[in-house]
Amino acid sequence: MPDTPAPRIVFESSEQHRAAPSVVHFGSLDEINSPKIGNLEVYGRTKLAIILGVKYGLLHRIIKPNDDNMYALSNHPGAVNTAMQQQCKDAYPGLFGKMVTAIMLAGGRDDEQGSYCALYAATSPEIEEKGWNGYYFHDPGQSGKEKKQAPGLALGAALWDLSTRMIKDKVGDDALVDWNAAS
């Protein structure tokens, strides 16, 4: 459609991607299911995977090679007061869980404030003007400072390969089709 802005795909990540284990390889299902990894590390690894999947999956493997006019972005909504804070008491019994819950509830954003960064990524003309495709945003207009692992092309490739293997294993070899295949 001529004279229309490029479509955008916006994923919710988190600054908690920093809690991902330092030895993430995305090499196997056994690694992903390791019982040695705690709840916070699992959450962090998931949020790291979102950043990597946007930048080194969608952008580098689909959008750029096909010269598609679309944007893939990820963002951190901030510490939004949701039921997740209440779950900290269960995940971390005792005083620590209660303290984390109290701090997060006191300093967290409400639902509307938590949506600002995603809305910015989805609608701001600045994204196209500055060519911010594949970016991770910490706040509206502020590119996030990713964990050292996040700028890793090799780690992004490993995530893509593991994801592809898992999908094919669970759904079948014909579950994924070539983006360029004729329909």
Protein backbone atom coordinates (compact mmCIF):
# COMPACT_ATOMS: atom_id res chain seq x y z
CA MET A 1 0.00 0.00 0.00
CA PRO A 2 1.70 3.17 -1.16
CA ASP A 3 2.00 6.18 1.13
CA THR A 4 1.38 4.22 4.31
CA PRO A 5 3.81 3.74 7.18
CA ALA A 6 5.66 0.45 7.41
CA PRO A 7 3.95 -2.11 9.65
CA ARG A 8 5.56 -2.81 13.00
CA ILE A 9 5.77 -5.84 15.24
CA VAL A 10 6.42 -4.91 18.88
CA PHE A 11 7.42 -7.49 21.50
CA GLU A 12 7.37 -7.02 25.27
CA SER A 13 10.76 -7.79 26.76
CA SER A 14 12.15 -6.52 30.04
CA GLU A 15 15.19 -5.11 31.75
CA GLN A 16 15.06 -8.43 33.57
CA HIS A 17 16.79 -9.90 30.51
CA ARG A 18 19.90 -9.03 32.53
CA ALA A 19 18.97 -11.82 34.96
CA ALA A 20 19.52 -14.46 32.26
CA PRO A 21 22.29 -16.88 33.18
CA SER A 22 25.66 -15.81 31.81
CA VAL A 23 26.10 -19.22 30.18
CA VAL A 24 23.02 -19.20 27.94
CA HIS A 25 23.78 -20.99 24.66
CA PHE A 26 20.30 -21.87 23.33
CA GLY A 27 21.91 -25.13 22.29
CA SER A 28 19.39 -27.75 23.34
CA LEU A 29 16.07 -28.46 24.96
CA ASP A 30 17.97 -29.96 27.91
CA GLU A 31 19.61 -26.59 28.51
CA ILE A 32 16.25 -24.82 28.34
CA ASN A 33 14.67 -27.28 30.79
CA SER A 34 17.60 -27.40 33.20
CA PRO A 35 16.40 -27.63 36.81
CA LYS A 36 19.56 -25.77 37.88
CA ILE A 37 18.13 -22.47 36.63
CA GLY A 38 15.97 -20.47 39.04
CA ASN A 39 12.71 -18.64 38.32
CA LEU A 40 14.30 -15.23 37.86
CA GLU A 41 16.93 -16.65 35.49
CA VAL A 42 14.25 -18.43 33.44
CA TYR A 43 12.30 -15.17 33.17
CA GLY A 44 15.47 -13.29 32.24
CA ARG A 45 16.42 -15.85 29.62
CA THR A 46 12.95 -15.57 28.10
CA LYS A 47 13.23 -11.79 27.87
CA LEU A 48 16.75 -12.09 26.41
CA ALA A 49 15.35 -14.49 23.80
CA ILE A 50 12.79 -11.87 22.78
CA ILE A 51 15.50 -9.25 22.19
CA LEU A 52 17.64 -11.73 20.26
CA GLY A 53 14.68 -13.05 18.28
CA VAL A 54 13.71 -9.56 17.16
CA LYS A 55 17.19 -8.40 16.23
CA TYR A 56 18.85 -11.57 14.94
CA GLY A 57 15.78 -13.53 13.93
CA LEU A 58 13.12 -11.35 12.38
CA LEU A 59 15.35 -8.45 11.34
CA HIS A 60 18.47 -10.29 10.12
CA ARG A 61 16.86 -13.48 8.77
CA ILE A 62 13.58 -12.24 7.34
CA ILE A 63 13.14 -8.48 7.03
CA LYS A 64 16.59 -7.47 5.71
CA PRO A 65 17.18 -10.39 3.31
CA ASN A 66 13.75 -9.83 1.76
CA ASP A 67 14.09 -6.04 1.72
CA ASP A 68 10.74 -5.89 3.50
CA ASN A 69 9.42 -2.52 4.57
CA MET A 70 8.49 -3.44 8.13
CA TYR A 71 9.89 -2.95 11.62
CA ALA A 72 10.46 -5.45 14.44
CA LEU A 73 11.08 -3.93 17.87
CA SER A 74 11.17 -4.93 21.52
CA ASN A 75 10.61 -2.85 24.61
CA HIS A 76 10.72 -2.76 28.39
CA PRO A 77 7.38 -1.62 29.84
CA GLY A 78 8.88 -0.74 33.20
CA ALA A 79 7.96 -2.32 36.50
CA VAL A 80 4.20 -2.44 35.97
CA ASN A 81 2.02 -3.26 38.95
CA THR A 82 0.39 -6.54 37.98
CA ALA A 83 -0.30 -9.84 39.68
CA MET A 84 3.33 -10.75 38.98
CA GLN A 85 4.47 -8.74 41.99
CA GLN A 86 2.19 -10.78 44.22
CA GLN A 87 3.80 -13.95 42.86
CA CYS A 88 7.18 -12.82 44.21
CA LYS A 89 5.97 -13.75 47.68
CA ASP A 90 5.37 -17.31 46.48
CA ALA A 91 8.52 -17.59 44.38
CA TYR A 92 10.72 -16.15 47.14
CA PRO A 93 9.19 -17.14 50.50
CA GLY A 94 10.00 -15.17 53.59
CA LEU A 95 11.17 -11.62 54.08
CA PHE A 96 12.92 -11.29 50.69
CA GLY A 97 9.73 -12.00 48.72
CA LYS A 98 7.72 -9.59 50.86
CA MET A 99 10.34 -6.86 50.44
CA VAL A 100 10.52 -7.29 46.66
CA THR A 101 6.73 -7.17 46.42
CA ALA A 102 6.49 -4.02 48.55
CA ILE A 103 9.25 -2.21 46.64
CA MET A 104 7.80 -3.11 43.25
CA LEU A 105 4.28 -2.10 44.22
CA ALA A 106 5.50 1.21 45.66
CA GLY A 107 7.64 2.18 42.67
CA GLY A 108 5.82 0.48 39.83
CA ARG A 109 3.91 1.98 36.95
CA ASP A 110 0.19 1.60 36.45
CA ASP A 111 -1.16 -0.23 33.39
CA GLU A 112 -1.43 2.91 31.28
CA GLN A 113 2.11 4.04 32.07
CA GLY A 114 3.34 0.53 31.30
CA SER A 115 1.90 0.78 27.79
CA TYR A 116 3.74 3.99 26.82
CA CYS A 117 6.94 2.38 25.55
CA ALA A 118 5.11 -0.20 23.41
CA LEU A 119 2.82 2.49 22.01
CA TYR A 120 5.84 4.63 21.20
CA ALA A 121 7.51 1.72 19.38
CA ALA A 122 4.29 0.95 17.50
CA THR A 123 3.38 4.49 16.45
CA SER A 124 6.20 7.04 16.68
CA PRO A 125 7.40 8.45 13.33
CA GLU A 126 10.84 8.72 14.95
CA ILE A 127 11.30 4.94 14.55
CA GLU A 128 11.32 5.21 10.76
CA GLU A 129 13.04 8.61 10.67
CA LYS A 130 16.01 7.23 12.61
CA GLY A 131 15.94 3.73 11.09
CA TRP A 132 15.57 2.07 14.48
CA ASN A 133 14.69 -1.39 13.17
CA GLY A 134 15.48 -4.27 15.55
CA TYR A 135 15.94 -1.90 18.49
CA TYR A 136 15.16 -2.59 22.13
CA PHE A 137 13.62 0.39 23.95
CA HIS A 138 13.88 1.02 27.67
CA ASP A 139 11.51 4.00 27.65
CA PRO A 140 9.84 5.94 24.83
CA GLY A 141 12.61 7.27 22.60
CA GLN A 142 15.37 5.69 24.68
CA SER A 143 17.20 2.77 23.19
CA GLY A 144 17.85 0.21 25.92
CA LYS A 145 21.31 -0.85 26.93
CA GLU A 146 21.20 -4.58 26.36
CA LYS A 147 23.06 -7.16 28.37
CA LYS A 148 26.41 -8.14 26.86
CA GLN A 149 24.85 -11.33 25.48
CA ALA A 150 22.11 -9.51 23.56
CA PRO A 151 24.32 -8.09 20.79
CA GLY A 152 25.51 -11.59 19.91
CA LEU A 153 24.89 -12.68 16.34
CA ALA A 154 26.05 -16.22 17.19
CA LEU A 155 23.69 -16.45 20.19
CA GLY A 156 20.84 -15.11 18.06
CA ALA A 157 21.58 -17.74 15.41
CA ALA A 158 21.61 -20.47 18.07
CA LEU A 159 18.23 -19.27 19.37
CA TRP A 160 16.80 -19.27 15.84
CA ASP A 161 18.13 -22.75 15.12
CA LEU A 162 16.88 -24.19 18.43
CA SER A 163 13.45 -22.61 17.93
CA THR A 164 13.23 -24.04 14.41
CA ARG A 165 14.24 -27.52 15.60
CA MET A 166 11.73 -27.43 18.45
CA ILE A 167 8.86 -26.32 16.20
CA LYS A 168 9.63 -28.99 13.61
CA ASP A 169 9.97 -31.63 16.33
CA LYS A 170 6.62 -30.77 17.91
CA VAL A 171 4.57 -29.82 14.86
CA GLY A 172 6.33 -31.50 11.95
CA ASP A 173 8.85 -30.74 9.23
CA ASP A 174 6.27 -28.87 7.18
CA ALA A 175 5.37 -26.53 10.08
CA LEU A 176 7.68 -23.80 8.81
CA VAL A 177 7.64 -22.60 5.24
CA ASP A 178 10.17 -20.49 3.41
CA TRP A 179 9.27 -16.82 3.71
CA ASN A 180 9.93 -16.47 -0.03
CA ALA A 181 8.05 -19.58 -1.13
CA ALA A 182 5.34 -18.96 -3.68
CA SER A 183 1.87 -19.35 -2.23
